[in-house]
């Protein structure tokens, strides 16, 4: 007999006589985010009181793939066998497919918005000047890419020292062929929100734009969708001149940060960091 078809009456109720084991907060959040903090049965629409159900009814199996969000009524129906395991797995598969589709869609949008990934690791390319010996090939990373990346690392180091935390650098979350690149990430244990850092070099005043804060907010939403972990964002902006640090400078960036939930602005000048990258190719932007 198929495992999904096992009669409810033949299942042991012994595991449910003991206290409910703890489901880790990050796993709980991931499952709830997947379901949009609502009942997995979309015809239900309940979002106020939602519980997690173990599809295989093994309370020790807290694999996210074995957990599904149900309202109180549908949770009771699942335990009574009125909603069988096969149906629950089908509901779960739909949720997972929808979540993966949304992740890919958002990553594609982010990739299009910031195609010239300003803080990507420098990638060596074939150099214009080659050795006389044709059997030897010389490659070198573009100067602008190395300089921009170095500036970002110096800025993150300055920020780390000021707030007293140390971050992972150039973190990638991968979904198929798509990737979410985070310039810096600090994860905390428990319920404290993680910190996501996004670096931007605003070398001239005319590069002031509201898009930067929107990108950070989008990254925060994708980060929670992919991991189930909450995070706050820091838009780490480095400006070319000290005068660009004044409150009246960068009005669009400052305004967009105020409107972006969970995003703060930390700005430094190249002079404060003690490192000015000099002329950087316009291809960066």
Protein backbone atom coordinates (compact mmCIF):
# COMPACT_ATOMS: atom_id res chain seq x y z
CA UNK A 1 0.00 0.00 0.00
CA UNK A 2 1.25 3.49 -0.81
CA UNK A 3 2.56 5.33 2.25
CA UNK A 4 0.27 8.24 1.52
CA UNK A 5 -2.74 5.92 1.66
CA UNK A 6 -2.09 4.59 5.17
CA UNK A 7 -5.39 4.74 7.06
CA UNK A 8 -5.39 7.40 9.78
CA UNK A 9 -6.77 4.90 12.29
CA UNK A 10 -3.68 2.65 11.91
CA UNK A 11 -1.24 5.44 12.78
CA UNK A 12 0.15 5.50 16.29
CA UNK A 13 -1.03 8.45 18.39
CA UNK A 14 1.72 7.86 20.93
CA UNK A 15 3.99 10.70 19.68
CA UNK A 16 1.16 13.18 20.27
CA UNK A 17 0.82 12.20 23.94
CA UNK A 18 4.10 14.01 24.69
CA UNK A 19 4.84 17.72 24.65
CA UNK A 20 5.26 19.30 21.21
CA UNK A 21 9.00 19.55 20.39
CA UNK A 22 10.38 23.00 19.64
CA UNK A 23 10.58 24.05 15.99
CA UNK A 24 13.60 26.35 15.45
CA UNK A 25 12.57 29.96 14.85
CA UNK A 26 14.37 30.25 11.50
CA UNK A 27 12.64 27.12 10.16
CA UNK A 28 9.26 28.30 11.44
CA UNK A 29 9.75 31.69 9.79
CA UNK A 30 10.83 30.12 6.48
CA UNK A 31 7.72 27.95 6.32
CA UNK A 32 5.44 30.86 7.24
CA UNK A 33 7.09 33.15 4.68
CA UNK A 34 6.64 30.46 2.04
CA UNK A 35 2.90 30.39 2.81
CA UNK A 36 2.62 34.16 3.06
CA UNK A 37 1.84 33.76 6.79
CA UNK A 38 -1.47 32.20 5.85
CA UNK A 39 -3.10 28.79 5.55
CA UNK A 40 -1.61 26.72 2.73
CA UNK A 41 -5.12 25.95 1.45
CA UNK A 42 -5.64 29.06 -0.64
CA UNK A 43 -9.43 28.69 -0.58
CA UNK A 44 -9.19 29.25 3.17
CA UNK A 45 -7.70 32.73 3.37
CA UNK A 46 -7.01 32.52 7.12
CA UNK A 47 -3.96 34.59 8.12
CA UNK A 48 -4.60 35.39 11.78
CA UNK A 49 -4.20 32.00 13.48
CA UNK A 50 -1.80 29.73 11.61
CA UNK A 51 -0.03 26.62 12.91
CA UNK A 52 2.71 24.37 11.52
CA UNK A 53 1.82 20.78 10.72
CA UNK A 54 4.27 17.89 10.27
CA UNK A 55 3.13 16.23 7.05
CA UNK A 56 4.53 12.81 8.01
CA UNK A 57 3.22 13.36 11.58
CA UNK A 58 6.71 12.82 12.97
CA UNK A 59 7.16 15.75 15.34
CA UNK A 60 10.93 15.22 15.38
CA UNK A 61 11.19 15.80 11.62
CA UNK A 62 11.54 19.56 11.33
CA UNK A 63 12.78 19.52 7.76
CA UNK A 64 11.10 22.55 6.10
CA UNK A 65 9.91 20.20 3.35
CA UNK A 66 7.93 18.29 6.00
CA UNK A 67 6.24 21.34 7.47
CA UNK A 68 3.19 23.15 6.14
CA UNK A 69 1.25 26.13 7.48
CA UNK A 70 -2.39 25.41 8.28
CA UNK A 71 -5.16 27.25 10.06
CA UNK A 72 -6.58 25.66 13.20
CA UNK A 73 -9.52 24.06 11.38
CA UNK A 74 -7.45 22.52 8.55
CA UNK A 75 -4.79 21.46 11.05
CA UNK A 76 -7.42 19.45 12.94
CA UNK A 77 -8.74 18.01 9.66
CA UNK A 78 -5.22 16.85 8.77
CA UNK A 79 -4.84 15.05 12.09
CA UNK A 80 -8.28 13.46 11.66
CA UNK A 81 -7.28 12.17 8.21
CA UNK A 82 -9.86 14.30 6.39
CA UNK A 83 -6.95 15.88 4.52
CA UNK A 84 -4.54 13.07 3.66
CA UNK A 85 -0.76 13.30 3.42
CA UNK A 86 -0.70 13.11 -0.35
CA UNK A 87 -2.95 16.16 -0.57
CA UNK A 88 -0.81 17.99 1.96
CA UNK A 89 2.33 17.24 -0.07
CA UNK A 90 0.64 18.54 -3.21
CA UNK A 91 -0.29 21.76 -1.40
CA UNK A 92 3.30 21.99 -0.18
CA UNK A 93 4.69 21.46 -3.68
CA UNK A 94 2.55 24.29 -5.02
CA UNK A 95 3.77 26.60 -2.29
CA UNK A 96 7.41 25.65 -2.90
CA UNK A 97 7.06 26.13 -6.65
CA UNK A 98 5.45 29.53 -6.12
CA UNK A 99 8.21 30.57 -3.70
CA UNK A 100 10.97 29.47 -6.08
CA UNK A 101 9.29 31.27 -8.96
CA UNK A 102 9.08 34.49 -6.92
CA UNK A 103 12.73 34.20 -5.89
CA UNK A 104 13.89 33.79 -9.49
CA UNK A 105 11.64 36.65 -10.64
CA UNK A 106 13.00 39.00 -7.98
CA UNK A 107 16.62 37.99 -8.59
CA UNK A 108 16.14 38.58 -12.32
CA UNK A 109 14.78 42.04 -11.57
CA UNK A 110 17.65 42.87 -9.23
CA UNK A 111 20.16 41.62 -11.78
CA UNK A 112 18.66 43.85 -14.44
CA UNK A 113 18.61 46.87 -12.11
CA UNK A 114 22.23 46.58 -11.06
CA UNK A 115 23.76 44.73 -13.99
CA UNK A 116 27.10 46.45 -13.53
CA UNK A 117 27.61 44.80 -10.15
CA UNK A 118 29.76 47.49 -8.63
CA UNK A 119 31.30 45.37 -5.89
CA UNK A 120 31.67 42.05 -7.65
CA UNK A 121 34.94 40.24 -7.22
CA UNK A 122 37.43 41.45 -9.85
CA UNK A 123 37.50 39.07 -12.81
CA UNK A 124 40.75 38.78 -14.83
CA UNK A 125 40.46 39.43 -18.55
CA UNK A 126 42.90 39.06 -21.41
CA UNK A 127 45.34 41.96 -21.23
CA UNK A 128 45.86 44.27 -24.22
CA UNK A 129 49.61 43.82 -24.01
CA UNK A 130 50.70 40.23 -24.44
CA UNK A 131 54.12 38.57 -23.94
CA UNK A 132 56.29 38.01 -26.97
CA UNK A 133 56.11 34.27 -26.32
CA UNK A 134 52.75 33.32 -27.84
CA UNK A 135 52.52 30.26 -25.57
CA UNK A 136 52.08 32.56 -22.57
CA UNK A 137 48.88 34.51 -22.05
CA UNK A 138 48.64 37.47 -19.68
CA UNK A 139 45.34 38.27 -17.95
CA UNK A 140 44.53 41.11 -15.56
CA UNK A 141 41.41 42.42 -13.84
CA UNK A 142 40.24 45.85 -15.08
CA UNK A 143 41.63 48.66 -12.93
CA UNK A 144 38.22 50.22 -12.26
CA UNK A 145 36.87 46.91 -10.99
CA UNK A 146 39.77 46.36 -8.60
CA UNK A 147 39.62 49.94 -7.33
CA UNK A 148 35.85 49.89 -6.79
CA UNK A 149 36.04 46.56 -4.98
CA UNK A 150 38.89 47.79 -2.78
CA UNK A 151 36.95 50.95 -1.89
CA UNK A 152 33.97 48.84 -0.85
CA UNK A 153 36.13 46.64 1.39
CA UNK A 154 37.72 49.66 3.08
CA UNK A 155 34.26 51.18 3.70
CA UNK A 156 32.87 47.96 5.18
CA UNK A 157 35.91 47.66 7.46
CA UNK A 158 35.34 51.22 8.71
CA UNK A 159 31.68 50.45 9.37
CA UNK A 160 32.54 47.21 11.20
CA UNK A 161 34.87 49.06 13.57
CA UNK A 162 32.30 51.75 14.31
CA UNK A 163 29.43 49.37 15.15
CA UNK A 164 31.55 46.58 16.64
CA UNK A 165 30.45 43.73 14.36
CA UNK A 166 32.34 41.75 11.75
CA UNK A 167 30.65 40.68 8.56
CA UNK A 168 31.01 38.00 5.96
CA UNK A 169 32.03 39.63 2.69
CA UNK A 170 30.67 39.09 -0.82
CA UNK A 171 28.04 36.54 0.23
CA UNK A 172 26.12 34.74 -2.50
CA UNK A 173 22.75 33.02 -2.14
CA UNK A 174 22.16 30.86 -5.19
CA UNK A 175 18.84 29.73 -6.69
CA UNK A 176 19.50 27.74 -9.86
CA UNK A 177 21.43 30.02 -12.17
CA UNK A 178 20.37 33.16 -10.30
CA UNK A 179 22.27 34.59 -7.36
CA UNK A 180 21.68 37.20 -4.70
CA UNK A 181 24.98 38.96 -3.99
CA UNK A 182 25.36 40.72 -0.64
CA UNK A 183 28.37 42.98 -0.15
CA UNK A 184 28.31 42.27 3.57
CA UNK A 185 26.25 40.08 5.91
CA UNK A 186 26.14 39.73 9.67
CA UNK A 187 23.96 36.94 11.02
CA UNK A 188 22.83 36.76 14.62
CA UNK A 189 21.51 33.94 16.75
CA UNK A 190 17.94 34.11 18.02
CA UNK A 191 15.39 36.70 16.98
CA UNK A 192 17.77 39.60 16.36
CA UNK A 193 17.55 40.74 12.74
CA UNK A 194 20.59 40.13 10.55
CA UNK A 195 22.43 43.03 8.91
CA UNK A 196 22.74 43.23 5.11
CA UNK A 197 25.23 45.76 3.72
CA UNK A 198 24.98 47.17 0.22
CA UNK A 199 27.85 49.35 -1.00
CA UNK A 200 27.64 52.15 -3.55
CA UNK A 201 30.23 54.68 -4.69
CA UNK A 202 28.63 58.05 -5.41
CA UNK A 203 31.65 59.83 -6.84
CA UNK A 204 29.69 62.84 -8.19
CA UNK A 205 26.56 64.64 -7.00
CA UNK A 206 24.73 63.91 -10.25
CA UNK A 207 24.80 60.18 -9.38
CA UNK A 208 22.39 60.83 -6.50
CA UNK A 209 19.34 58.63 -7.19
CA UNK A 210 16.45 56.99 -5.27
CA UNK A 211 17.12 53.58 -6.79
CA UNK A 212 19.86 52.57 -4.35
CA UNK A 213 17.59 52.33 -1.30
CA UNK A 214 14.95 50.49 -3.33
CA UNK A 215 17.56 47.90 -4.33
CA UNK A 216 18.49 47.35 -0.68
CA UNK A 217 14.85 46.91 0.32
CA UNK A 218 14.35 44.43 -2.52
CA UNK A 219 17.41 42.49 -1.35
CA UNK A 220 16.03 42.34 2.20
CA UNK A 221 12.75 40.91 0.95
CA UNK A 222 14.48 38.33 -1.25
CA UNK A 223 16.85 37.44 1.61
CA UNK A 224 13.92 36.67 3.93
CA UNK A 225 12.10 34.80 1.17
CA UNK A 226 15.16 32.61 0.49
CA UNK A 227 16.30 32.00 4.05
CA UNK A 228 13.42 32.77 6.41
CA UNK A 229 15.74 35.15 8.29
CA UNK A 230 14.78 38.77 8.92
CA UNK A 231 17.33 41.46 8.20
CA UNK A 232 17.82 45.19 8.28
CA UNK A 233 19.72 46.92 5.51
CA UNK A 234 22.59 49.39 5.54
CA UNK A 235 23.15 51.43 2.40
CA UNK A 236 26.88 52.08 2.71
CA UNK A 237 27.55 55.06 0.46
CA UNK A 238 31.01 56.43 -0.22
CA UNK A 239 31.10 59.91 -1.72
CA UNK A 240 33.88 61.60 -3.62
CA UNK A 241 34.00 64.85 -1.60
CA UNK A 242 33.49 65.78 2.05
CA UNK A 243 30.89 68.38 1.07
CA UNK A 244 28.65 65.55 -0.19
CA UNK A 245 28.23 64.41 3.43
CA UNK A 246 26.19 67.48 4.35
CA UNK A 247 22.53 66.99 5.22
CA UNK A 248 21.46 68.94 2.15
CA UNK A 249 23.58 66.77 -0.15
CA UNK A 250 22.30 63.57 -1.80
CA UNK A 251 18.62 64.54 -1.32
CA UNK A 252 17.24 61.68 -3.41
CA UNK A 253 19.23 58.99 -1.62
CA UNK A 254 18.35 60.40 1.80
CA UNK A 255 14.66 60.71 0.95
CA UNK A 256 14.44 57.20 -0.48
CA UNK A 257 16.16 55.73 2.59
CA UNK A 258 13.59 57.41 4.85
CA UNK A 259 10.83 55.82 2.77
CA UNK A 260 12.43 52.36 2.67
CA UNK A 261 11.39 50.21 5.61
CA UNK A 262 14.29 48.69 7.51
CA UNK A 263 17.00 50.56 5.57
CA UNK A 264 19.49 53.05 7.05
CA UNK A 265 22.17 55.17 5.40
CA UNK A 266 25.81 55.25 6.42
CA UNK A 267 27.92 57.64 4.36
CA UNK A 268 31.68 58.18 4.29
CA UNK A 269 33.85 60.33 2.09
CA UNK A 270 36.97 59.03 0.39
CA UNK A 271 38.88 61.48 2.58
CA UNK A 272 37.49 59.88 5.75
CA UNK A 273 38.46 56.43 4.51
CA UNK A 274 41.93 57.56 3.46
CA UNK A 275 41.50 55.96 0.07
CA UNK A 276 40.44 57.61 -3.15
CA UNK A 277 40.17 55.27 -6.16
CA UNK A 278 40.84 58.06 -8.63
CA UNK A 279 39.22 58.01 -12.07
CA UNK A 280 36.94 55.00 -12.48
CA UNK A 281 35.57 53.94 -15.82
CA UNK A 282 31.99 54.97 -16.53
CA UNK A 283 31.30 51.29 -17.32
CA UNK A 284 30.91 50.82 -13.57
CA UNK A 285 27.65 52.73 -13.69
